């Protein structure tokens, strides 16, 4: 039990020292405001970025007649059970 008491006393003293240092900073240090300026780019005036190429397969549009890509080419036919 004396070891636990010594440990808790040491932890309490360390916490007290940290709190005292923080209180001293609050009491004795005055912040000095300084002007800050930086440029923010406007996206509407910037050059448009080229579309990203991921190398993935084209995204298909499903319909009852099959799956088509954006150009209208057939990617896959209709499901097996639904062929005319």
PDB file of N, CA and C in Angstrom:
ATOM      1  N   UNK A   1       0.801  -1.198   0.000  1.00  0.00           N
ATOM      2  CA  UNK A   1       0.000   0.000   0.000  1.00  0.00           C
ATOM      3  C   UNK A   1       0.851   1.272   0.000  1.00  0.00           C
ATOM      4  N   UNK A   2       1.983   1.311   0.674  1.00  0.00           N
ATOM      5  CA  UNK A   2       2.803   2.530   0.628  1.00  0.00           C
ATOM      6  C   UNK A   2       3.288   2.844  -0.790  1.00  0.00           C
ATOM      7  N   UNK A   3       3.529   1.818  -1.622  1.00  0.00           N
ATOM      8  CA  UNK A   3       3.973   2.044  -2.993  1.00  0.00           C
ATOM      9  C   UNK A   3       2.873   2.719  -3.803  1.00  0.00           C
ATOM     10  N   UNK A   4       1.626   2.279  -3.605  1.00  0.00           N
ATOM     11  CA  UNK A   4       0.498   2.884  -4.301  1.00  0.00           C
ATOM     12  C   UNK A   4       0.324   4.339  -3.867  1.00  0.00           C
ATOM     13  N   UNK A   5       0.493   4.601  -2.604  1.00  0.00           N
ATOM     14  CA  UNK A   5       0.356   5.963  -2.088  1.00  0.00           C
ATOM     15  C   UNK A   5       1.440   6.868  -2.681  1.00  0.00           C
ATOM     16  N   UNK A   6       2.668   6.354  -2.770  1.00  0.00           N
ATOM     17  CA  UNK A   6       3.754   7.136  -3.357  1.00  0.00           C
ATOM     18  C   UNK A   6       3.493   7.404  -4.839  1.00  0.00           C
ATOM     19  N   UNK A   7       2.987   6.379  -5.543  1.00  0.00           N
ATOM     20  CA  UNK A   7       2.697   6.540  -6.962  1.00  0.00           C
ATOM     21  C   UNK A   7       1.602   7.593  -7.172  1.00  0.00           C
ATOM     22  N   UNK A   8       0.520   7.495  -6.421  1.00  0.00           N
ATOM     23  CA  UNK A   8      -0.567   8.455  -6.567  1.00  0.00           C
ATOM     24  C   UNK A   8      -0.120   9.864  -6.179  1.00  0.00           C
ATOM     25  N   UNK A   9       0.726   9.990  -5.189  1.00  0.00           N
ATOM     26  CA  UNK A   9       1.260  11.293  -4.798  1.00  0.00           C
ATOM     27  C   UNK A   9       2.109  11.880  -5.921  1.00  0.00           C
ATOM     28  N   UNK A  10       2.949  11.060  -6.529  1.00  0.00           N
ATOM     29  CA  UNK A  10       3.794  11.502  -7.641  1.00  0.00           C
ATOM     30  C   UNK A  10       2.935  11.940  -8.829  1.00  0.00           C
ATOM     31  N   UNK A  11       1.901  11.159  -9.161  1.00  0.00           N
ATOM     32  CA  UNK A  11       1.016  11.510 -10.277  1.00  0.00           C
ATOM     33  C   UNK A  11       0.279  12.815  -9.975  1.00  0.00           C
ATOM     34  N   UNK A  12      -0.183  12.990  -8.748  1.00  0.00           N
ATOM     35  CA  UNK A  12      -0.883  14.218  -8.370  1.00  0.00           C
ATOM     36  C   UNK A  12       0.045  15.426  -8.439  1.00  0.00           C
ATOM     37  N   UNK A  13       1.287  15.277  -8.009  1.00  0.00           N
ATOM     38  CA  UNK A  13       2.246  16.378  -8.085  1.00  0.00           C
ATOM     39  C   UNK A  13       2.557  16.747  -9.542  1.00  0.00           C
ATOM     40  N   UNK A  14       2.692  15.756 -10.403  1.00  0.00           N
ATOM     41  CA  UNK A  14       2.938  16.026 -11.834  1.00  0.00           C
ATOM     42  C   UNK A  14       1.741  16.741 -12.448  1.00  0.00           C
ATOM     43  N   UNK A  15       0.536  16.289 -12.150  1.00  0.00           N
ATOM     44  CA  UNK A  15      -0.662  16.947 -12.674  1.00  0.00           C
ATOM     45  C   UNK A  15      -0.757  18.377 -12.153  1.00  0.00           C
ATOM     46  N   UNK A  16      -0.424  18.587 -10.883  1.00  0.00           N
ATOM     47  CA  UNK A  16      -0.439  19.939 -10.306  1.00  0.00           C
ATOM     48  C   UNK A  16       0.579  20.847 -10.972  1.00  0.00           C
ATOM     49  N   UNK A  17       1.764  20.313 -11.271  1.00  0.00           N
ATOM     50  CA  UNK A  17       2.793  21.114 -11.936  1.00  0.00           C
ATOM     51  C   UNK A  17       2.344  21.503 -13.348  1.00  0.00           C
ATOM     52  N   UNK A  18       1.706  20.584 -14.049  1.00  0.00           N
ATOM     53  CA  UNK A  18       1.213  20.875 -15.404  1.00  0.00           C
ATOM     54  C   UNK A  18       0.116  21.931 -15.347  1.00  0.00           C
ATOM     55  N   UNK A  19      -0.804  21.794 -14.412  1.00  0.00           N
ATOM     56  CA  UNK A  19      -1.871  22.791 -14.275  1.00  0.00           C
ATOM     57  C   UNK A  19      -1.320  24.160 -13.872  1.00  0.00           C
ATOM     58  N   UNK A  20      -0.302  24.182 -13.016  1.00  0.00           N
ATOM     59  CA  UNK A  20       0.308  25.455 -12.612  1.00  0.00           C
ATOM     60  C   UNK A  20       0.997  26.117 -13.801  1.00  0.00           C
ATOM     61  N   UNK A  21       1.652  25.341 -14.641  1.00  0.00           N
ATOM     62  CA  UNK A  21       2.301  25.899 -15.831  1.00  0.00           C
ATOM     63  C   UNK A  21       1.264  26.466 -16.802  1.00  0.00           C
ATOM     64  N   UNK A  22       0.149  25.765 -16.975  1.00  0.00           N
ATOM     65  CA  UNK A  22      -0.908  26.254 -17.859  1.00  0.00           C
ATOM     66  C   UNK A  22      -1.514  27.545 -17.303  1.00  0.00           C
ATOM     67  N   UNK A  23      -1.735  27.609 -15.990  1.00  0.00           N
ATOM     68  CA  UNK A  23      -2.289  28.814 -15.379  1.00  0.00           C
ATOM     69  C   UNK A  23      -1.321  29.986 -15.520  1.00  0.00           C
ATOM     70  N   UNK A  24      -0.018  29.722 -15.391  1.00  0.00           N
ATOM     71  CA  UNK A  24       0.974  30.787 -15.555  1.00  0.00           C
ATOM     72  C   UNK A  24       0.975  31.308 -16.986  1.00  0.00           C
ATOM     73  N   UNK A  25       0.834  30.424 -17.973  1.00  0.00           N
ATOM     74  CA  UNK A  25       0.770  30.862 -19.368  1.00  0.00           C
ATOM     75  C   UNK A  25      -0.454  31.737 -19.608  1.00  0.00           C
ATOM     76  N   UNK A  26      -1.582  31.343 -19.044  1.00  0.00           N
ATOM     77  CA  UNK A  26      -2.809  32.131 -19.225  1.00  0.00           C
ATOM     78  C   UNK A  26      -2.658  33.504 -18.577  1.00  0.00           C
ATOM     79  N   UNK A  27      -2.029  33.552 -17.419  1.00  0.00           N
ATOM     80  CA  UNK A  27      -1.952  34.806 -16.669  1.00  0.00           C
ATOM     81  C   UNK A  27      -0.904  35.771 -17.216  1.00  0.00           C
ATOM     82  N   UNK A  28       0.212  35.266 -17.713  1.00  0.00           N
ATOM     83  CA  UNK A  28       1.336  36.144 -18.023  1.00  0.00           C
ATOM     84  C   UNK A  28       1.638  36.335 -19.506  1.00  0.00           C
ATOM     85  N   UNK A  29       1.069  35.563 -20.388  1.00  0.00           N
ATOM     86  CA  UNK A  29       1.380  35.672 -21.814  1.00  0.00           C
ATOM     87  C   UNK A  29       0.208  36.306 -22.535  1.00  0.00           C
ATOM     88  N   UNK A  30       0.478  37.396 -23.246  1.00  0.00           N
ATOM     89  CA  UNK A  30      -0.541  38.071 -24.041  1.00  0.00           C
ATOM     90  C   UNK A  30      -0.311  37.754 -25.515  1.00  0.00           C
ATOM     91  N   UNK A  31      -1.314  37.270 -26.205  1.00  0.00           N
ATOM     92  CA  UNK A  31      -1.136  37.003 -27.632  1.00  0.00           C
ATOM     93  C   UNK A  31      -1.096  38.313 -28.420  1.00  0.00           C
ATOM     94  N   UNK A  32      -0.280  38.356 -29.451  1.00  0.00           N
ATOM     95  CA  UNK A  32      -0.212  39.535 -30.301  1.00  0.00           C
ATOM     96  C   UNK A  32      -0.846  39.191 -31.645  1.00  0.00           C
ATOM     97  N   UNK A  33      -1.935  39.865 -31.996  1.00  0.00           N
ATOM     98  CA  UNK A  33      -2.571  39.575 -33.279  1.00  0.00           C
ATOM     99  C   UNK A  33      -1.692  40.058 -34.434  1.00  0.00           C
ATOM    100  N   UNK A  34      -1.653  39.271 -35.490  1.00  0.00           N
ATOM    101  CA  UNK A  34      -0.889  39.616 -36.674  1.00  0.00           C
ATOM    102  C   UNK A  34      -1.774  39.418 -37.900  1.00  0.00           C
ATOM    103  N   UNK A  35      -1.650  40.282 -38.885  1.00  0.00           N
ATOM    104  CA  UNK A  35      -2.462  40.113 -40.092  1.00  0.00           C
ATOM    105  C   UNK A  35      -2.016  38.877 -40.871  1.00  0.00           C
ATOM    106  N   UNK A  36      -2.989  38.146 -41.357  1.00  0.00           N
ATOM    107  CA  UNK A  36      -2.711  36.935 -42.128  1.00  0.00           C
ATOM    108  C   UNK A  36      -3.447  37.064 -43.448  1.00  0.00           C
ATOM    109  N   UNK A  37      -2.745  36.824 -44.540  1.00  0.00           N
ATOM    110  CA  UNK A  37      -3.395  36.843 -45.850  1.00  0.00           C
ATOM    111  C   UNK A  37      -2.807  35.750 -46.720  1.00  0.00           C
ATOM    112  N   UNK A  38      -3.672  35.124 -47.496  1.00  0.00           N
ATOM    113  CA  UNK A  38      -3.233  34.121 -48.456  1.00  0.00           C
ATOM    114  C   UNK A  38      -4.262  34.046 -49.567  1.00  0.00           C
ATOM    115  N   UNK A  39      -3.822  33.613 -50.746  1.00  0.00           N
ATOM    116  CA  UNK A  39      -4.690  33.549 -51.905  1.00  0.00           C
ATOM    117  C   UNK A  39      -5.456  32.246 -51.933  1.00  0.00           C
ATOM    118  N   UNK A  40      -6.735  32.352 -52.238  1.00  0.00           N
ATOM    119  CA  UNK A  40      -7.579  31.174 -52.390  1.00  0.00           C
ATOM    120  C   UNK A  40      -7.954  31.079 -53.865  1.00  0.00           C
ATOM    121  N   UNK A  41      -7.598  29.996 -54.546  1.00  0.00           N
ATOM    122  CA  UNK A  41      -7.924  29.898 -55.963  1.00  0.00           C
ATOM    123  C   UNK A  41      -9.431  29.728 -56.169  1.00  0.00           C
ATOM    124  N   UNK A  42      -9.951  30.371 -57.198  1.00  0.00           N
ATOM    125  CA  UNK A  42     -11.360  30.269 -57.529  1.00  0.00           C
ATOM    126  C   UNK A  42     -11.522  29.133 -58.538  1.00  0.00           C
ATOM    127  N   UNK A  43     -12.279  28.088 -58.201  1.00  0.00           N
ATOM    128  CA  UNK A  43     -12.390  26.936 -59.110  1.00  0.00           C
ATOM    129  C   UNK A  43     -13.016  27.289 -60.457  1.00  0.00           C
ATOM    130  N   UNK A  44     -13.906  28.285 -60.522  1.00  0.00           N
ATOM    131  CA  UNK A  44     -14.564  28.609 -61.783  1.00  0.00           C
ATOM    132  C   UNK A  44     -13.576  29.194 -62.788  1.00  0.00           C
ATOM    133  N   UNK A  45     -12.542  29.866 -62.341  1.00  0.00           N
ATOM    134  CA  UNK A  45     -11.579  30.469 -63.244  1.00  0.00           C
ATOM    135  C   UNK A  45     -10.382  29.572 -63.521  1.00  0.00           C
ATOM    136  N   UNK A  46     -10.232  28.511 -62.773  1.00  0.00           N
ATOM    137  CA  UNK A  46      -9.107  27.603 -62.982  1.00  0.00           C
ATOM    138  C   UNK A  46      -9.357  26.739 -64.208  1.00  0.00           C
ATOM    139  N   UNK A  47      -8.282  26.210 -64.778  1.00  0.00           N
ATOM    140  CA  UNK A  47      -8.418  25.331 -65.934  1.00  0.00           C
ATOM    141  C   UNK A  47      -9.080  24.024 -65.510  1.00  0.00           C
ATOM    142  N   UNK A  48      -9.998  23.504 -66.326  1.00  0.00           N
ATOM    143  CA  UNK A  48     -10.634  22.239 -65.950  1.00  0.00           C
ATOM    144  C   UNK A  48      -9.639  21.087 -66.061  1.00  0.00           C
ATOM    145  N   UNK A  49      -9.695  20.216 -65.103  1.00  0.00           N
ATOM    146  CA  UNK A  49      -8.808  19.055 -65.086  1.00  0.00           C
ATOM    147  C   UNK A  49      -9.327  18.010 -66.070  1.00  0.00           C
ATOM    148  N   UNK A  50      -8.435  17.282 -66.729  1.00  0.00           N
ATOM    149  CA  UNK A  50      -8.895  16.227 -67.628  1.00  0.00           C
ATOM    150  C   UNK A  50      -9.545  15.109 -66.825  1.00  0.00           C
ATOM    151  N   UNK A  51     -10.479  14.370 -67.428  1.00  0.00           N
ATOM    152  CA  UNK A  51     -11.136  13.286 -66.685  1.00  0.00           C
ATOM    153  C   UNK A  51     -10.130  12.206 -66.294  1.00  0.00           C
ATOM    154  N   UNK A  52     -10.332  11.663 -65.126  1.00  0.00           N
ATOM    155  CA  UNK A  52      -9.439  10.620 -64.624  1.00  0.00           C
ATOM    156  C   UNK A  52      -9.677   9.324 -65.370  1.00  0.00           C
ATOM    157  N   UNK A  53      -8.603   8.635 -65.692  1.00  0.00           N
ATOM    158  CA  UNK A  53      -8.717   7.344 -66.363  1.00  0.00           C
ATOM    159  C   UNK A  53      -8.332   6.270 -65.348  1.00  0.00           C
ATOM    160  N   UNK A  54      -9.278   5.455 -65.005  1.00  0.00           N
ATOM    161  CA  UNK A  54      -9.030   4.437 -63.992  1.00  0.00           C
ATOM    162  C   UNK A  54      -8.720   3.082 -64.591  1.00  0.00           C
ATOM    163  N   UNK A  55      -9.036   2.874 -65.850  1.00  0.00           N
ATOM    164  CA  UNK A  55      -8.795   1.584 -66.472  1.00  0.00           C
ATOM    165  C   UNK A  55      -9.890   0.583 -66.164  1.00  0.00           C
ATOM    166  N   UNK A  56     -10.950   1.023 -65.533  1.00  0.00           N
ATOM    167  CA  UNK A  56     -12.044   0.119 -65.189  1.00  0.00           C
ATOM    168  C   UNK A  56     -12.925  -0.097 -66.409  1.00  0.00           C
ATOM    169  N   UNK A  57     -13.715  -1.129 -66.372  1.00  0.00           N
ATOM    170  CA  UNK A  57     -14.646  -1.424 -67.454  1.00  0.00           C
ATOM    171  C   UNK A  57     -15.706  -0.333 -67.519  1.00  0.00           C
ATOM    172  N   UNK A  58     -16.287  -0.092 -68.705  1.00  0.00           N
ATOM    173  CA  UNK A  58     -17.296   0.948 -68.803  1.00  0.00           C
ATOM    174  C   UNK A  58     -18.529   0.608 -67.979  1.00  0.00           C
ATOM    175  N   UNK A  59     -19.136   1.660 -67.476  1.00  0.00           N
ATOM    176  CA  UNK A  59     -20.335   1.476 -66.669  1.00  0.00           C
ATOM    177  C   UNK A  59     -21.491   1.208 -67.611  1.00  0.00           C
ATOM    178  N   UNK A  60     -22.255   0.160 -67.341  1.00  0.00           N
ATOM    179  CA  UNK A  60     -23.343  -0.214 -68.227  1.00  0.00           C
ATOM    180  C   UNK A  60     -24.682   0.316 -67.765  1.00  0.00           C
ATOM    181  N   UNK A  61     -25.609   0.409 -68.725  1.00  0.00           N
ATOM    182  CA  UNK A  61     -26.974   0.817 -68.442  1.00  0.00           C
ATOM    183  C   UNK A  61     -27.852  -0.388 -68.709  1.00  0.00           C
ATOM    184  N   UNK A  62     -28.568  -0.855 -67.686  1.00  0.00           N
ATOM    185  CA  UNK A  62     -29.380  -2.056 -67.830  1.00  0.00           C
ATOM    186  C   UNK A  62     -30.730  -1.703 -68.439  1.00  0.00           C
ATOM    187  N   UNK A  63     -31.188  -2.567 -69.325  1.00  0.00           N
ATOM    188  CA  UNK A  63     -32.524  -2.442 -69.903  1.00  0.00           C
ATOM    189  C   UNK A  63     -33.040  -3.859 -70.137  1.00  0.00           C
ATOM    190  N   UNK A  64     -34.303  -4.039 -70.482  1.00  0.00           N
ATOM    191  CA  UNK A  64     -34.819  -5.387 -70.735  1.00  0.00           C
ATOM    192  C   UNK A  64     -34.125  -6.084 -71.906  1.00  0.00           C
ATOM    193  N   UNK A  65     -33.548  -5.316 -72.838  1.00  0.00           N
ATOM    194  CA  UNK A  65     -32.883  -5.901 -74.001  1.00  0.00           C
ATOM    195  C   UNK A  65     -31.426  -6.239 -73.757  1.00  0.00           C
ATOM    196  N   UNK A  66     -30.873  -5.899 -72.602  1.00  0.00           N
ATOM    197  CA  UNK A  66     -29.477  -6.189 -72.311  1.00  0.00           C
ATOM    198  C   UNK A  66     -28.851  -5.034 -71.564  1.00  0.00           C
ATOM    199  N   UNK A  67     -27.513  -5.065 -71.516  1.00  0.00           N
ATOM    200  CA  UNK A  67     -26.762  -4.011 -70.854  1.00  0.00           C
ATOM    201  C   UNK A  67     -25.962  -3.287 -71.921  1.00  0.00           C
ATOM    202  N   UNK A  68     -26.109  -1.960 -71.962  1.00  0.00           N
ATOM    203  CA  UNK A  68     -25.459  -1.158 -72.980  1.00  0.00           C
ATOM    204  C   UNK A  68     -24.509  -0.174 -72.321  1.00  0.00           C
ATOM    205  N   UNK A  69     -23.403   0.163 -73.035  1.00  0.00           N
ATOM    206  CA  UNK A  69     -22.525   1.199 -72.516  1.00  0.00           C
ATOM    207  C   UNK A  69     -23.050   2.554 -72.965  1.00  0.00           C
ATOM    208  N   UNK A  70     -22.326   3.612 -72.647  1.00  0.00           N
ATOM    209  CA  UNK A  70     -22.824   4.956 -72.935  1.00  0.00           C
ATOM    210  C   UNK A  70     -22.868   5.254 -74.427  1.00  0.00           C
ATOM    211  N   UNK A  71     -22.119   4.530 -75.244  1.00  0.00           N
ATOM    212  CA  UNK A  71     -22.135   4.742 -76.689  1.00  0.00           C
ATOM    213  C   UNK A  71     -23.251   3.943 -77.356  1.00  0.00           C
ATOM    214  N   UNK A  72     -23.926   3.078 -76.614  1.00  0.00           N
ATOM    215  CA  UNK A  72     -25.010   2.280 -77.169  1.00  0.00           C
ATOM    216  C   UNK A  72     -24.598   0.890 -77.591  1.00  0.00           C
ATOM    217  N   UNK A  73     -23.332   0.516 -77.390  1.00  0.00           N
ATOM    218  CA  UNK A  73     -22.876  -0.828 -77.740  1.00  0.00           C
ATOM    219  C   UNK A  73     -23.348  -1.822 -76.696  1.00  0.00           C
ATOM    220  N   UNK A  74     -23.637  -3.043 -77.137  1.00  0.00           N
ATOM    221  CA  UNK A  74     -24.118  -4.073 -76.225  1.00  0.00           C
ATOM    222  C   UNK A  74     -22.954  -4.610 -75.414  1.00  0.00           C
ATOM    223  N   UNK A  75     -23.088  -4.587 -74.099  1.00  0.00           N
ATOM    224  CA  UNK A  75     -22.088  -5.183 -73.218  1.00  0.00           C
ATOM    225  C   UNK A  75     -22.491  -6.601 -72.894  1.00  0.00           C
ATOM    226  N   UNK A  76     -23.759  -6.827 -72.630  1.00  0.00           N
ATOM    227  CA  UNK A  76     -24.286  -8.155 -72.333  1.00  0.00           C
ATOM    228  C   UNK A  76     -25.703  -8.220 -72.846  1.00  0.00           C
ATOM    229  N   UNK A  77     -26.105  -9.400 -73.301  1.00  0.00           N
ATOM    230  CA  UNK A  77     -27.457  -9.583 -73.802  1.00  0.00           C
ATOM    231  C   UNK A  77     -28.462  -9.692 -72.671  1.00  0.00           C
ATOM    232  N   UNK A  78     -29.727  -9.938 -73.021  1.00  0.00           N
ATOM    233  CA  UNK A  78     -30.740 -10.094 -71.970  1.00  0.00           C
ATOM    234  C   UNK A  78     -30.493 -11.355 -71.166  1.00  0.00           C
ATOM    235  N   UNK A  79     -31.046 -11.448 -69.981  1.00  0.00           N
ATOM    236  CA  UNK A  79     -30.883 -12.661 -69.174  1.00  0.00           C
ATOM    237  C   UNK A  79     -31.430 -13.877 -69.902  1.00  0.00           C
ATOM    238  N   UNK A  80     -30.888 -15.060 -69.587  1.00  0.00           N
ATOM    239  CA  UNK A  80     -31.230 -16.289 -70.298  1.00  0.00           C
ATOM    240  C   UNK A  80     -32.711 -16.597 -70.298  1.00  0.00           C
ATOM    241  N   UNK A  81     -33.383 -16.396 -69.195  1.00  0.00           N
ATOM    242  CA  UNK A  81     -34.801 -16.744 -69.101  1.00  0.00           C
ATOM    243  C   UNK A  81     -35.704 -15.768 -69.827  1.00  0.00           C
ATOM    244  N   UNK A  82     -35.201 -14.632 -70.266  1.00  0.00           N
ATOM    245  CA  UNK A  82     -36.050 -13.596 -70.840  1.00  0.00           C
ATOM    246  C   UNK A  82     -35.818 -13.391 -72.323  1.00  0.00           C
ATOM    247  N   UNK A  83     -35.110 -14.314 -73.000  1.00  0.00           N
ATOM    248  CA  UNK A  83     -34.886 -14.133 -74.451  1.00  0.00           C
ATOM    249  C   UNK A  83     -36.174 -14.422 -75.202  1.00  0.00           C
ATOM    250  N   UNK A  84     -36.461 -13.622 -76.240  1.00  0.00           N
ATOM    251  CA  UNK A  84     -37.705 -13.827 -76.995  1.00  0.00           C
ATOM    252  C   UNK A  84     -37.671 -15.064 -77.856  1.00  0.00           C
TER     253      UNK A  84
END
